[in-house]
All heavy atoms as atom14 arrays in JSON, in Angstrom:
{
  "sequence": "DDEKSIRNVLKDILGNEGFVVSEAADGEEGLEKFTNQNFD",
  "atom14_mask": [
    [1, 1, 1, 1, 1, 1, 1, 1, 0, 0, 0, 0, 0, 0],
    [1, 1, 1, 1, 1, 1, 1, 1, 0, 0, 0, 0, 0, 0],
    [1, 1, 1, 1, 1, 1, 1, 1, 1, 0, 0, 0, 0, 0],
    [1, 1, 1, 1, 1, 1, 1, 1, 1, 0, 0, 0, 0, 0],
    [1, 1, 1, 1, 1, 1, 0, 0, 0, 0, 0, 0, 0, 0],
    [1, 1, 1, 1, 1, 1, 1, 1, 0, 0, 0, 0, 0, 0],
    [1, 1, 1, 1, 1, 1, 1, 1, 1, 1, 1, 0, 0, 0],
    [1, 1, 1, 1, 1, 1, 1, 1, 0, 0, 0, 0, 0, 0],
    [1, 1, 1, 1, 1, 1, 1, 0, 0, 0, 0, 0, 0, 0],
    [1, 1, 1, 1, 1, 1, 1, 1, 0, 0, 0, 0, 0, 0],
    [1, 1, 1, 1, 1, 1, 1, 1, 1, 0, 0, 0, 0, 0],
    [1, 1, 1, 1, 1, 1, 1, 1, 0, 0, 0, 0, 0, 0],
    [1, 1, 1, 1, 1, 1, 1, 1, 0, 0, 0, 0, 0, 0],
    [1, 1, 1, 1, 1, 1, 1, 1, 0, 0, 0, 0, 0, 0],
    [1, 1, 1, 1, 0, 0, 0, 0, 0, 0, 0, 0, 0, 0],
    [1, 1, 1, 1, 1, 1, 1, 1, 0, 0, 0, 0, 0, 0],
    [1, 1, 1, 1, 1, 1, 1, 1, 1, 0, 0, 0, 0, 0],
    [1, 1, 1, 1, 0, 0, 0, 0, 0, 0, 0, 0, 0, 0],
    [1, 1, 1, 1, 1, 1, 1, 1, 1, 1, 1, 0, 0, 0],
    [1, 1, 1, 1, 1, 1, 1, 0, 0, 0, 0, 0, 0, 0],
    [1, 1, 1, 1, 1, 1, 1, 0, 0, 0, 0, 0, 0, 0],
    [1, 1, 1, 1, 1, 1, 0, 0, 0, 0, 0, 0, 0, 0],
    [1, 1, 1, 1, 1, 1, 1, 1, 1, 0, 0, 0, 0, 0],
    [1, 1, 1, 1, 1, 0, 0, 0, 0, 0, 0, 0, 0, 0],
    [1, 1, 1, 1, 1, 0, 0, 0, 0, 0, 0, 0, 0, 0],
    [1, 1, 1, 1, 1, 1, 1, 1, 0, 0, 0, 0, 0, 0],
    [1, 1, 1, 1, 0, 0, 0, 0, 0, 0, 0, 0, 0, 0],
    [1, 1, 1, 1, 1, 1, 1, 1, 1, 0, 0, 0, 0, 0],
    [1, 1, 1, 1, 1, 1, 1, 1, 1, 0, 0, 0, 0, 0],
    [1, 1, 1, 1, 0, 0, 0, 0, 0, 0, 0, 0, 0, 0],
    [1, 1, 1, 1, 1, 1, 1, 1, 0, 0, 0, 0, 0, 0],
    [1, 1, 1, 1, 1, 1, 1, 1, 1, 0, 0, 0, 0, 0],
    [1, 1, 1, 1, 1, 1, 1, 1, 1, 0, 0, 0, 0, 0],
    [1, 1, 1, 1, 1, 1, 1, 1, 1, 1, 1, 0, 0, 0],
    [1, 1, 1, 1, 1, 1, 1, 0, 0, 0, 0, 0, 0, 0],
    [1, 1, 1, 1, 1, 1, 1, 1, 0, 0, 0, 0, 0, 0],
    [1, 1, 1, 1, 1, 1, 1, 1, 1, 0, 0, 0, 0, 0],
    [1, 1, 1, 1, 1, 1, 1, 1, 0, 0, 0, 0, 0, 0],
    [1, 1, 1, 1, 1, 1, 1, 1, 1, 1, 1, 0, 0, 0],
    [1, 1, 1, 1, 1, 1, 1, 1, 0, 0, 0, 0, 0, 0]
  ],
  "atom14_positions": [
    [[31.92, -56.21, -6.64], [32.22, -55.02, -5.85], [31.27, -54.94, -4.65], [30.07, -55.17, -4.84], [32.11, -53.73, -6.71], [32.83, -52.55, -6.12], [32.58, -52.23, -4.94], [33.67, -51.98, -6.79], [0.0, 0.0, 0.0], [0.0, 0.0, 0.0], [0.0, 0.0, 0.0], [0.0, 0.0, 0.0], [0.0, 0.0, 0.0], [0.0, 0.0, 0.0]],
    [[31.78, -54.61, -3.47], [30.89, -54.58, -2.28], [30.16, -53.25, -2.19], [29.32, -53.12, -1.33], [31.77, -54.82, -1.02], [32.87, -53.79, -0.84], [33.39, -53.28, -1.85], [33.21, -53.5, 0.31], [0.0, 0.0, 0.0], [0.0, 0.0, 0.0], [0.0, 0.0, 0.0], [0.0, 0.0, 0.0], [0.0, 0.0, 0.0], [0.0, 0.0, 0.0]],
    [[30.47, -52.27, -3.06], [29.71, -51.02, -3.04], [28.61, -51.09, -4.09], [28.88, -51.08, -5.3], [30.63, -49.86, -3.38], [31.74, -49.62, -2.31], [32.61, -48.43, -2.66], [32.07, -47.32, -2.78], [33.78, -48.64, -2.79], [0.0, 0.0, 0.0], [0.0, 0.0, 0.0], [0.0, 0.0, 0.0], [0.0, 0.0, 0.0], [0.0, 0.0, 0.0]],
    [[27.36, -51.09, -3.64], [26.19, -51.24, -4.52], [26.14, -50.08, -5.52], [25.79, -50.24, -6.68], [24.96, -51.31, -3.72], [23.68, -51.63, -4.55], [22.47, -51.86, -3.69], [21.26, -52.16, -4.53], [21.39, -53.31, -5.39], [0.0, 0.0, 0.0], [0.0, 0.0, 0.0], [0.0, 0.0, 0.0], [0.0, 0.0, 0.0], [0.0, 0.0, 0.0]],
    [[26.53, -48.85, -5.06], [26.43, -47.69, -5.96], [27.41, -47.88, -7.14], [27.04, -47.56, -8.29], [26.79, -46.41, -5.15], [28.11, -46.54, -4.62], [0.0, 0.0, 0.0], [0.0, 0.0, 0.0], [0.0, 0.0, 0.0], [0.0, 0.0, 0.0], [0.0, 0.0, 0.0], [0.0, 0.0, 0.0], [0.0, 0.0, 0.0], [0.0, 0.0, 0.0]],
    [[28.58, -48.38, -6.88], [29.54, -48.65, -7.97], [29.01, -49.68, -8.92], [29.09, -49.55, -10.18], [30.92, -49.11, -7.39], [31.56, -47.99, -6.58], [31.84, -49.56, -8.54], [32.09, -46.86, -7.37], [0.0, 0.0, 0.0], [0.0, 0.0, 0.0], [0.0, 0.0, 0.0], [0.0, 0.0, 0.0], [0.0, 0.0, 0.0], [0.0, 0.0, 0.0]],
    [[28.44, -50.79, -8.39], [27.91, -51.81, -9.25], [26.76, -51.23, -10.14], [26.69, -51.6, -11.31], [27.34, -52.97, -8.35], [28.36, -53.72, -7.54], [27.92, -55.12, -7.17], [26.63, -55.18, -6.56], [26.39, -55.01, -5.23], [27.43, -54.74, -4.43], [25.17, -55.07, -4.71], [0.0, 0.0, 0.0], [0.0, 0.0, 0.0], [0.0, 0.0, 0.0]],
    [[25.91, -50.43, -9.54], [24.82, -49.86, -10.26], [25.25, -48.96, -11.41], [24.77, -49.05, -12.56], [23.88, -49.06, -9.35], [23.06, -49.93, -8.44], [22.91, -51.11, -8.73], [22.53, -49.39, -7.31], [0.0, 0.0, 0.0], [0.0, 0.0, 0.0], [0.0, 0.0, 0.0], [0.0, 0.0, 0.0], [0.0, 0.0, 0.0], [0.0, 0.0, 0.0]],
    [[26.25, -48.12, -11.15], [26.81, -47.23, -12.17], [27.43, -48.03, -13.33], [27.13, -47.78, -14.51], [27.85, -46.25, -11.57], [28.61, -45.53, -12.7], [27.21, -45.28, -10.67], [0.0, 0.0, 0.0], [0.0, 0.0, 0.0], [0.0, 0.0, 0.0], [0.0, 0.0, 0.0], [0.0, 0.0, 0.0], [0.0, 0.0, 0.0], [0.0, 0.0, 0.0]],
    [[28.26, -49.02, -12.94], [28.92, -49.83, -14.0], [27.9, -50.61, -14.79], [28.0, -50.78, -15.99], [29.95, -50.74, -13.34], [31.21, -50.07, -12.75], [32.05, -51.07, -12.01], [31.99, -49.41, -13.84], [0.0, 0.0, 0.0], [0.0, 0.0, 0.0], [0.0, 0.0, 0.0], [0.0, 0.0, 0.0], [0.0, 0.0, 0.0], [0.0, 0.0, 0.0]],
    [[26.87, -51.15, -14.07], [25.89, -51.98, -14.76], [25.13, -51.09, -15.77], [24.87, -51.57, -16.89], [24.91, -52.57, -13.73], [23.9, -53.53, -14.34], [23.06, -54.19, -13.29], [22.1, -55.21, -13.91], [21.3, -55.92, -12.92], [0.0, 0.0, 0.0], [0.0, 0.0, 0.0], [0.0, 0.0, 0.0], [0.0, 0.0, 0.0], [0.0, 0.0, 0.0]],
    [[24.76, -49.86, -15.36], [24.02, -49.01, -16.31], [24.88, -48.69, -17.53], [24.42, -48.75, -18.69], [23.62, -47.71, -15.55], [22.5, -47.93, -14.59], [21.83, -48.99, -14.67], [22.3, -47.07, -13.72], [0.0, 0.0, 0.0], [0.0, 0.0, 0.0], [0.0, 0.0, 0.0], [0.0, 0.0, 0.0], [0.0, 0.0, 0.0], [0.0, 0.0, 0.0]],
    [[26.13, -48.35, -17.31], [27.02, -47.92, -18.41], [27.27, -49.12, -19.37], [27.15, -48.96, -20.57], [28.35, -47.43, -17.88], [28.15, -46.1, -17.12], [29.4, -47.28, -18.98], [29.36, -45.65, -16.32], [0.0, 0.0, 0.0], [0.0, 0.0, 0.0], [0.0, 0.0, 0.0], [0.0, 0.0, 0.0], [0.0, 0.0, 0.0], [0.0, 0.0, 0.0]],
    [[27.59, -50.29, -18.77], [27.86, -51.45, -19.62], [26.65, -51.93, -20.32], [26.66, -52.43, -21.43], [28.53, -52.58, -18.79], [29.88, -52.16, -18.18], [30.38, -53.34, -17.29], [30.91, -51.91, -19.26], [0.0, 0.0, 0.0], [0.0, 0.0, 0.0], [0.0, 0.0, 0.0], [0.0, 0.0, 0.0], [0.0, 0.0, 0.0], [0.0, 0.0, 0.0]],
    [[25.44, -51.85, -19.58], [24.22, -52.25, -20.24], [23.89, -51.39, -21.45], [23.44, -51.88, -22.48], [0.0, 0.0, 0.0], [0.0, 0.0, 0.0], [0.0, 0.0, 0.0], [0.0, 0.0, 0.0], [0.0, 0.0, 0.0], [0.0, 0.0, 0.0], [0.0, 0.0, 0.0], [0.0, 0.0, 0.0], [0.0, 0.0, 0.0], [0.0, 0.0, 0.0]],
    [[24.16, -50.08, -21.32], [23.95, -49.15, -22.43], [24.83, -49.46, -23.62], [24.54, -49.17, -24.78], [24.12, -47.7, -22.0], [23.01, -47.22, -21.11], [21.91, -47.76, -21.12], [23.29, -46.26, -20.26], [0.0, 0.0, 0.0], [0.0, 0.0, 0.0], [0.0, 0.0, 0.0], [0.0, 0.0, 0.0], [0.0, 0.0, 0.0], [0.0, 0.0, 0.0]],
    [[26.04, -50.09, -23.34], [26.97, -50.44, -24.37], [26.65, -51.77, -25.02], [27.35, -52.25, -25.93], [28.4, -50.46, -23.82], [28.93, -49.12, -23.4], [29.17, -48.18, -24.57], [29.64, -48.64, -25.62], [28.88, -46.97, -24.41], [0.0, 0.0, 0.0], [0.0, 0.0, 0.0], [0.0, 0.0, 0.0], [0.0, 0.0, 0.0], [0.0, 0.0, 0.0]],
    [[25.57, -52.45, -24.54], [25.13, -53.67, -25.14], [25.67, -54.96, -24.44], [25.5, -56.05, -24.98], [0.0, 0.0, 0.0], [0.0, 0.0, 0.0], [0.0, 0.0, 0.0], [0.0, 0.0, 0.0], [0.0, 0.0, 0.0], [0.0, 0.0, 0.0], [0.0, 0.0, 0.0], [0.0, 0.0, 0.0], [0.0, 0.0, 0.0], [0.0, 0.0, 0.0]],
    [[26.37, -54.79, -23.31], [26.89, -55.99, -22.61], [25.82, -56.56, -21.67], [24.96, -55.87, -21.17], [28.09, -55.57, -21.73], [29.23, -55.1, -22.59], [29.71, -53.78, -22.47], [29.92, -55.91, -23.46], [30.75, -53.31, -23.19], [30.99, -55.49, -24.24], [31.37, -54.16, -24.06], [0.0, 0.0, 0.0], [0.0, 0.0, 0.0], [0.0, 0.0, 0.0]],
    [[25.88, -57.87, -21.46], [25.07, -58.57, -20.47], [25.83, -58.56, -19.12], [26.98, -59.03, -19.12], [24.74, -60.0, -20.9], [23.92, -60.69, -19.82], [23.96, -59.99, -22.23], [0.0, 0.0, 0.0], [0.0, 0.0, 0.0], [0.0, 0.0, 0.0], [0.0, 0.0, 0.0], [0.0, 0.0, 0.0], [0.0, 0.0, 0.0], [0.0, 0.0, 0.0]],
    [[25.2, -58.04, -18.11], [25.98, -57.8, -16.85], [25.36, -58.62, -15.71], [24.16, -58.66, -15.51], [25.9, -56.31, -16.48], [26.71, -56.11, -15.15], [26.57, -55.47, -17.59], [0.0, 0.0, 0.0], [0.0, 0.0, 0.0], [0.0, 0.0, 0.0], [0.0, 0.0, 0.0], [0.0, 0.0, 0.0], [0.0, 0.0, 0.0], [0.0, 0.0, 0.0]],
    [[26.28, -59.29, -14.94], [25.88, -59.96, -13.71], [26.63, -59.29, -12.53], [27.71, -58.69, -12.77], [26.23, -61.45, -13.75], [25.46, -62.09, -14.69], [0.0, 0.0, 0.0], [0.0, 0.0, 0.0], [0.0, 0.0, 0.0], [0.0, 0.0, 0.0], [0.0, 0.0, 0.0], [0.0, 0.0, 0.0], [0.0, 0.0, 0.0], [0.0, 0.0, 0.0]],
    [[26.12, -59.39, -11.34], [26.72, -58.76, -10.19], [27.0, -59.72, -9.03], [26.35, -60.76, -8.93], [25.8, -57.67, -9.63], [25.38, -56.59, -10.56], [24.35, -55.65, -9.88], [24.66, -55.08, -8.83], [23.24, -55.49, -10.41], [0.0, 0.0, 0.0], [0.0, 0.0, 0.0], [0.0, 0.0, 0.0], [0.0, 0.0, 0.0], [0.0, 0.0, 0.0]],
    [[28.05, -59.36, -8.26], [28.31, -60.08, -7.01], [28.76, -59.04, -5.99], [29.55, -58.13, -6.27], [29.41, -61.12, -7.25], [0.0, 0.0, 0.0], [0.0, 0.0, 0.0], [0.0, 0.0, 0.0], [0.0, 0.0, 0.0], [0.0, 0.0, 0.0], [0.0, 0.0, 0.0], [0.0, 0.0, 0.0], [0.0, 0.0, 0.0], [0.0, 0.0, 0.0]],
    [[28.29, -59.2, -4.72], [28.51, -58.22, -3.67], [29.82, -58.41, -2.87], [30.23, -57.58, -2.12], [27.34, -58.13, -2.7], [0.0, 0.0, 0.0], [0.0, 0.0, 0.0], [0.0, 0.0, 0.0], [0.0, 0.0, 0.0], [0.0, 0.0, 0.0], [0.0, 0.0, 0.0], [0.0, 0.0, 0.0], [0.0, 0.0, 0.0], [0.0, 0.0, 0.0]],
    [[30.44, -59.58, -3.11], [31.75, -59.81, -2.43], [32.51, -60.9, -3.22], [31.96, -61.53, -4.16], [31.54, -60.26, -0.95], [30.6, -61.49, -0.86], [31.01, -62.53, -1.4], [29.57, -61.38, -0.21], [0.0, 0.0, 0.0], [0.0, 0.0, 0.0], [0.0, 0.0, 0.0], [0.0, 0.0, 0.0], [0.0, 0.0, 0.0], [0.0, 0.0, 0.0]],
    [[33.77, -61.12, -2.87], [34.57, -62.04, -3.58], [34.1, -63.49, -3.55], [34.22, -64.24, -4.5], [0.0, 0.0, 0.0], [0.0, 0.0, 0.0], [0.0, 0.0, 0.0], [0.0, 0.0, 0.0], [0.0, 0.0, 0.0], [0.0, 0.0, 0.0], [0.0, 0.0, 0.0], [0.0, 0.0, 0.0], [0.0, 0.0, 0.0], [0.0, 0.0, 0.0]],
    [[33.5, -63.85, -2.41], [33.03, -65.27, -2.27], [31.86, -65.53, -3.23], [31.85, -66.57, -3.93], [32.6, -65.47, -0.83], [32.57, -66.94, -0.41], [32.36, -67.07, 1.09], [31.19, -67.1, 1.48], [33.34, -67.18, 1.84], [0.0, 0.0, 0.0], [0.0, 0.0, 0.0], [0.0, 0.0, 0.0], [0.0, 0.0, 0.0], [0.0, 0.0, 0.0]],
    [[30.91, -64.59, -3.29], [29.79, -64.75, -4.23], [30.28, -64.66, -5.65], [29.84, -65.39, -6.56], [28.71, -63.64, -3.96], [27.53, -63.72, -4.86], [26.57, -62.54, -4.78], [26.8, -61.69, -3.87], [25.65, -62.46, -5.56], [0.0, 0.0, 0.0], [0.0, 0.0, 0.0], [0.0, 0.0, 0.0], [0.0, 0.0, 0.0], [0.0, 0.0, 0.0]],
    [[31.25, -63.78, -5.89], [31.84, -63.62, -7.23], [32.52, -64.89, -7.71], [32.35, -65.32, -8.85], [0.0, 0.0, 0.0], [0.0, 0.0, 0.0], [0.0, 0.0, 0.0], [0.0, 0.0, 0.0], [0.0, 0.0, 0.0], [0.0, 0.0, 0.0], [0.0, 0.0, 0.0], [0.0, 0.0, 0.0], [0.0, 0.0, 0.0], [0.0, 0.0, 0.0]],
    [[33.22, -65.58, -6.83], [33.93, -66.8, -7.17], [32.95, -67.93, -7.51], [33.13, -68.73, -8.38], [34.89, -67.21, -6.07], [35.8, -68.39, -6.35], [36.7, -68.14, -7.59], [36.66, -68.75, -5.17], [0.0, 0.0, 0.0], [0.0, 0.0, 0.0], [0.0, 0.0, 0.0], [0.0, 0.0, 0.0], [0.0, 0.0, 0.0], [0.0, 0.0, 0.0]],
    [[31.85, -68.0, -6.69], [30.82, -69.0, -6.91], [30.18, -68.8, -8.34], [30.03, -69.73, -9.1], [29.75, -68.9, -5.92], [28.69, -69.97, -5.99], [27.63, -69.92, -4.88], [27.81, -69.16, -3.93], [26.58, -70.6, -5.05], [0.0, 0.0, 0.0], [0.0, 0.0, 0.0], [0.0, 0.0, 0.0], [0.0, 0.0, 0.0], [0.0, 0.0, 0.0]],
    [[29.84, -67.55, -8.69], [29.31, -67.26, -10.01], [30.28, -67.5, -11.11], [29.94, -68.08, -12.15], [28.78, -65.81, -10.1], [27.53, -65.56, -9.28], [26.93, -64.2, -9.55], [25.58, -64.03, -8.82], [24.91, -62.72, -9.16], [0.0, 0.0, 0.0], [0.0, 0.0, 0.0], [0.0, 0.0, 0.0], [0.0, 0.0, 0.0], [0.0, 0.0, 0.0]],
    [[31.54, -67.13, -10.88], [32.58, -67.34, -11.9], [32.81, -68.8, -12.13], [33.07, -69.24, -13.29], [33.9, -66.68, -11.37], [35.06, -66.79, -12.31], [35.18, -65.87, -13.38], [36.03, -67.77, -12.2], [36.27, -65.93, -14.28], [37.1, -67.87, -13.07], [37.21, -66.9, -14.12], [0.0, 0.0, 0.0], [0.0, 0.0, 0.0], [0.0, 0.0, 0.0]],
    [[32.72, -69.61, -11.07], [32.94, -71.09, -11.23], [31.8, -71.74, -12.0], [32.02, -72.63, -12.82], [33.03, -71.7, -9.8], [34.1, -71.07, -9.07], [33.31, -73.2, -9.95], [0.0, 0.0, 0.0], [0.0, 0.0, 0.0], [0.0, 0.0, 0.0], [0.0, 0.0, 0.0], [0.0, 0.0, 0.0], [0.0, 0.0, 0.0], [0.0, 0.0, 0.0]],
    [[30.56, -71.3, -11.74], [29.4, -72.02, -12.29], [28.87, -71.42, -13.64], [28.03, -72.03, -14.27], [28.23, -71.98, -11.29], [28.63, -72.75, -10.01], [29.29, -73.75, -10.04], [28.2, -72.23, -8.87], [0.0, 0.0, 0.0], [0.0, 0.0, 0.0], [0.0, 0.0, 0.0], [0.0, 0.0, 0.0], [0.0, 0.0, 0.0], [0.0, 0.0, 0.0]],
    [[29.35, -70.27, -14.01], [28.91, -69.64, -15.23], [30.13, -69.24, -16.04], [31.23, -69.14, -15.58], [28.09, -68.39, -14.94], [26.8, -68.65, -14.2], [26.08, -67.32, -13.84], [25.84, -67.08, -12.68], [25.74, -66.55, -14.84], [0.0, 0.0, 0.0], [0.0, 0.0, 0.0], [0.0, 0.0, 0.0], [0.0, 0.0, 0.0], [0.0, 0.0, 0.0]],
    [[29.88, -69.04, -17.39], [30.96, -68.65, -18.26], [30.87, -67.14, -18.63], [29.82, -66.72, -19.21], [30.94, -69.46, -19.58], [31.43, -70.87, -19.35], [32.33, -71.1, -18.61], [30.73, -71.85, -20.01], [0.0, 0.0, 0.0], [0.0, 0.0, 0.0], [0.0, 0.0, 0.0], [0.0, 0.0, 0.0], [0.0, 0.0, 0.0], [0.0, 0.0, 0.0]],
    [[31.8, -66.36, -18.18], [31.85, -64.91, -18.44], [32.97, -64.61, -19.41], [33.98, -65.26, -19.45], [32.01, -64.15, -17.16], [30.88, -64.29, -16.2], [30.92, -65.16, -15.12], [29.67, -63.53, -16.35], [29.88, -65.32, -14.25], [28.66, -63.66, -15.48], [28.7, -64.6, -14.41], [0.0, 0.0, 0.0], [0.0, 0.0, 0.0], [0.0, 0.0, 0.0]],
    [[32.77, -63.59, -20.21], [33.77, -63.12, -21.15], [34.79, -62.19, -20.51], [35.9, -62.07, -21.0], [33.14, -62.43, -22.37], [32.17, -63.37, -23.13], [32.73, -64.33, -23.76], [30.98, -63.17, -23.07], [0.0, 0.0, 0.0], [0.0, 0.0, 0.0], [0.0, 0.0, 0.0], [0.0, 0.0, 0.0], [0.0, 0.0, 0.0], [0.0, 0.0, 0.0]]
  ]
}
């Protein structure tokens, strides 16, 4: 998500639920992380 505030809110909520969270600020960075790492 390109909105940092949205990423922060979602990261806090999901972190509290016990999930491991990674972030990307745009689709290009997201695709690079998605390609090189395994996400559930």
